[in-house]
Amino acid sequence: MEKDISKTKSDMPKVKFYDTVDDALLKFVVIISKSSGKWVFCKHKERNTYEVPGGHREAGETIMETAERELREETGAVKFDIKPICVYSVTGKTIANETGEESFGLLCFAEIMEFSGVLEHEIEKVALMDKLPKNWTYPLIQPKLIEKYLQTES
């Protein structure tokens, strides 16, 4: 049986962290979240994997407005504290980046105190977990973001 080598290391998404970049470069947000000491993850309707809440900036939004909107839409959070952690970039093709060019986002952390129970759009359910999931939507990206968050907390 032949081994498929079409995916080489150079095809793998690369994650880099920055202190800051020009605000105009920030296209998306990812919000690592906890509620009552548990990790908050979303399960998309079309996937059998878990992901951190997040999404793309819409016209006219500040990047923090994007973070707040995405957190509300994807988790149903209605009462929360949210703060930026750092800027990061992903280079390489992903579900969210078909060109593979370097794209920049803001990594945030949110402590969620209250959920509405209402989910909008593509999210099927929100899972509160004691441990990090093994079945990530973006396994080469999301664990690195969690690791960066944990470094900033210690």
Foldseek 3Di string as FASTA:
>chain_A
DDDDCVDDPVQAKDKDWDQDDPQVQAFKEFEFEAEPQFTKWFDFPVDPFTETFMDTDDPPDRLVSRVVVRCCQGAQFDDKDKDWQTKMWIAHDDPVRHVRHIGMHTYMYMYGHDGPPDHDDGTPHMDTHNDDDPGHRRVSPRVVSVVSVVVVVD
